[in-house]
């Protein structure tokens, strides 16, 4: 790390602290050449591999923008959307991979969005999962209903392909 004051090519770490949201580390440094102190912030990079093969940095704002469309007209605040984006980023980072497929990000959005607003969840899922018929909506609504009735969900499978749990 170059000193921002004298451009010396080295510095000594005096103190390190994790940020409140846990996504970065703030380091207090001192230059051995001029003795001045400065701070740096370090974050682990996270990239998203889009379907086209293009790689771009992960963006919470893109999560918020995409989910906001599904939440249009619903009782969801900007603070709710910010928290959802944070939860999605934490879930994606928990995989430990520096690069994730866009599909994985979409899958990480679904559970917290379902908790936030079921109508917005259905809207997002219908586009993201490519619902093609009323049967797709019916199946998704049936799964939602079963999740509200724990006794019912233990007795019947959630789809023809899945065994009962």
Protein backbone atom coordinates (compact mmCIF):
# COMPACT_ATOMS: atom_id res chain seq x y z
CA UNK A 1 0.00 0.00 0.00
CA UNK A 2 1.53 3.27 -1.13
CA UNK A 3 1.53 6.21 1.31
CA UNK A 4 -0.84 8.89 -0.04
CA UNK A 5 1.43 11.63 1.33
CA UNK A 6 4.99 10.70 0.31
CA UNK A 7 4.24 7.80 -2.10
CA UNK A 8 6.52 5.42 -0.15
CA UNK A 9 5.79 1.90 -1.35
CA UNK A 10 5.12 0.35 2.04
CA UNK A 11 3.00 0.98 5.15
CA UNK A 12 2.44 -0.70 8.48
CA UNK A 13 -1.02 -1.74 9.71
CA UNK A 14 -1.70 -0.28 13.16
CA UNK A 15 -5.34 -1.33 13.62
CA UNK A 16 -7.96 -3.37 11.74
CA UNK A 17 -11.72 -3.32 12.27
CA UNK A 18 -14.62 -4.96 10.50
CA UNK A 19 -17.33 -2.61 9.26
CA UNK A 20 -20.78 -2.70 10.86
CA UNK A 21 -22.29 -4.63 7.96
CA UNK A 22 -19.37 -7.06 7.87
CA UNK A 23 -18.59 -6.56 4.19
CA UNK A 24 -15.37 -4.60 4.56
CA UNK A 25 -12.34 -4.10 6.78
CA UNK A 26 -11.09 -0.66 7.80
CA UNK A 27 -7.34 -0.55 8.39
CA UNK A 28 -5.43 2.25 10.08
CA UNK A 29 -1.93 2.45 8.59
CA UNK A 30 1.30 4.33 9.22
CA UNK A 31 4.02 5.15 6.70
CA UNK A 32 7.52 4.16 7.93
CA UNK A 33 9.06 6.88 5.72
CA UNK A 34 7.14 10.02 6.72
CA UNK A 35 5.36 8.71 9.83
CA UNK A 36 1.93 9.97 8.76
CA UNK A 37 -1.18 7.89 9.32
CA UNK A 38 -4.03 7.10 6.94
CA UNK A 39 -6.98 4.72 6.64
CA UNK A 40 -7.86 2.19 3.97
CA UNK A 41 -11.00 0.16 3.39
CA UNK A 42 -10.74 -3.34 1.97
CA UNK A 43 -13.58 -5.34 0.48
CA UNK A 44 -13.65 -8.76 -1.09
CA UNK A 45 -14.66 -8.45 -4.71
CA UNK A 46 -17.74 -10.30 -5.86
CA UNK A 47 -18.56 -10.65 -9.54
CA UNK A 48 -21.67 -11.87 -11.31
CA UNK A 49 -21.48 -13.96 -14.47
CA UNK A 50 -24.45 -13.01 -16.61
CA UNK A 51 -26.17 -15.42 -19.00
CA UNK A 52 -24.39 -13.75 -21.93
CA UNK A 53 -21.03 -14.57 -20.32
CA UNK A 54 -20.31 -10.96 -19.39
CA UNK A 55 -18.81 -10.56 -15.93
CA UNK A 56 -19.73 -7.50 -13.87
CA UNK A 57 -19.35 -6.46 -10.22
CA UNK A 58 -22.14 -7.45 -7.84
CA UNK A 59 -24.48 -4.53 -7.20
CA UNK A 60 -27.01 -4.22 -4.40
CA UNK A 61 -28.60 -1.39 -6.37
CA UNK A 62 -29.38 -3.76 -9.26
CA UNK A 63 -31.09 -6.09 -6.77
CA UNK A 64 -33.18 -3.21 -5.41
CA UNK A 65 -34.08 -2.00 -8.91
CA UNK A 66 -35.16 -5.45 -10.07
CA UNK A 67 -37.18 -6.23 -6.96
CA UNK A 68 -38.73 -2.74 -6.83
CA UNK A 69 -40.58 -3.50 -10.08
CA UNK A 70 -42.14 -6.60 -8.50
CA UNK A 71 -43.07 -4.56 -5.40
CA UNK A 72 -44.81 -1.79 -7.34
CA UNK A 73 -48.06 -0.90 -5.58
CA UNK A 74 -47.22 -3.12 -2.60
CA UNK A 75 -46.62 -1.94 1.00
CA UNK A 76 -42.82 -2.28 0.71
CA UNK A 77 -40.46 0.54 1.71
CA UNK A 78 -37.05 1.48 0.37
CA UNK A 79 -35.61 0.38 3.72
CA UNK A 80 -37.21 -3.05 3.21
CA UNK A 81 -35.63 -3.29 -0.23
CA UNK A 82 -32.22 -2.25 1.07
CA UNK A 83 -32.39 -4.88 3.79
CA UNK A 84 -33.45 -7.50 1.23
CA UNK A 85 -30.47 -6.58 -0.99
CA UNK A 86 -28.15 -6.87 2.00
CA UNK A 87 -29.54 -10.31 2.85
CA UNK A 88 -29.11 -11.43 -0.76
CA UNK A 89 -25.50 -10.21 -0.82
CA UNK A 90 -24.76 -11.99 2.47
CA UNK A 91 -26.28 -15.21 1.13
CA UNK A 92 -24.28 -15.01 -2.09
CA UNK A 93 -21.03 -14.15 -0.27
CA UNK A 94 -21.62 -17.08 2.11
CA UNK A 95 -20.92 -19.41 -0.80
CA UNK A 96 -17.31 -18.25 -0.61
CA UNK A 97 -17.01 -17.88 -4.39
CA UNK A 98 -15.55 -14.73 -5.93
CA UNK A 99 -17.77 -15.17 -9.00
CA UNK A 100 -21.38 -16.33 -9.02
CA UNK A 101 -23.84 -17.03 -11.80
CA UNK A 102 -26.67 -14.52 -12.23
CA UNK A 103 -29.06 -17.43 -11.71
CA UNK A 104 -27.67 -17.97 -8.19
CA UNK A 105 -28.33 -14.33 -7.36
CA UNK A 106 -31.92 -14.70 -8.59
CA UNK A 107 -32.40 -17.82 -6.47
CA UNK A 108 -31.00 -15.96 -3.44
CA UNK A 109 -33.60 -13.21 -3.94
CA UNK A 110 -36.62 -15.52 -3.77
CA UNK A 111 -36.65 -16.59 -0.06
CA UNK A 112 -36.28 -13.09 1.49
CA UNK A 113 -38.73 -11.63 -1.04
CA UNK A 114 -41.25 -14.33 -0.14
CA UNK A 115 -40.93 -13.31 3.53
CA UNK A 116 -41.27 -9.64 2.64
CA UNK A 117 -44.33 -9.79 0.37
CA UNK A 118 -45.89 -12.86 -1.21
CA UNK A 119 -47.52 -10.98 -4.07
CA UNK A 120 -44.19 -9.37 -5.01
CA UNK A 121 -42.61 -12.83 -4.67
CA UNK A 122 -45.10 -14.28 -7.19
CA UNK A 123 -44.53 -11.39 -9.58
CA UNK A 124 -40.74 -11.76 -9.40
CA UNK A 125 -40.86 -15.56 -9.60
CA UNK A 126 -43.21 -15.45 -12.59
CA UNK A 127 -40.65 -13.46 -14.58
CA UNK A 128 -37.50 -15.00 -13.11
CA UNK A 129 -38.67 -18.60 -13.36
CA UNK A 130 -40.45 -17.99 -16.66
CA UNK A 131 -44.03 -18.95 -15.79
CA UNK A 132 -45.74 -19.86 -19.05
CA UNK A 133 -49.27 -20.73 -18.00
CA UNK A 134 -51.88 -20.37 -15.28
CA UNK A 135 -50.82 -23.82 -14.08
CA UNK A 136 -47.39 -22.40 -13.19
CA UNK A 137 -49.05 -19.68 -11.10
CA UNK A 138 -51.41 -22.22 -9.55
CA UNK A 139 -48.51 -24.46 -8.53
CA UNK A 140 -46.64 -21.53 -6.98
CA UNK A 141 -49.74 -20.38 -5.09
CA UNK A 142 -50.35 -23.94 -3.88
CA UNK A 143 -46.79 -24.09 -2.51
CA UNK A 144 -47.33 -20.76 -0.73
CA UNK A 145 -50.57 -21.99 0.80
CA UNK A 146 -48.92 -25.19 1.98
CA UNK A 147 -46.16 -23.21 3.65
CA UNK A 148 -48.83 -21.43 5.73
CA UNK A 149 -50.33 -24.74 6.85
CA UNK A 150 -47.46 -26.83 8.32
CA UNK A 151 -49.70 -29.86 8.98
CA UNK A 152 -50.87 -29.88 5.35
CA UNK A 153 -47.32 -29.51 3.96
CA UNK A 154 -46.17 -32.58 5.87
CA UNK A 155 -48.88 -34.74 4.35
CA UNK A 156 -48.63 -33.86 0.65
CA UNK A 157 -45.68 -33.38 -1.70
CA UNK A 158 -45.00 -29.86 -3.01
CA UNK A 159 -44.89 -31.04 -6.62
CA UNK A 160 -45.13 -34.21 -8.64
CA UNK A 161 -41.32 -34.51 -8.65
CA UNK A 162 -40.70 -33.98 -4.94
CA UNK A 163 -41.41 -36.51 -2.20
CA UNK A 164 -43.31 -35.43 0.93
CA UNK A 165 -41.12 -34.05 3.72
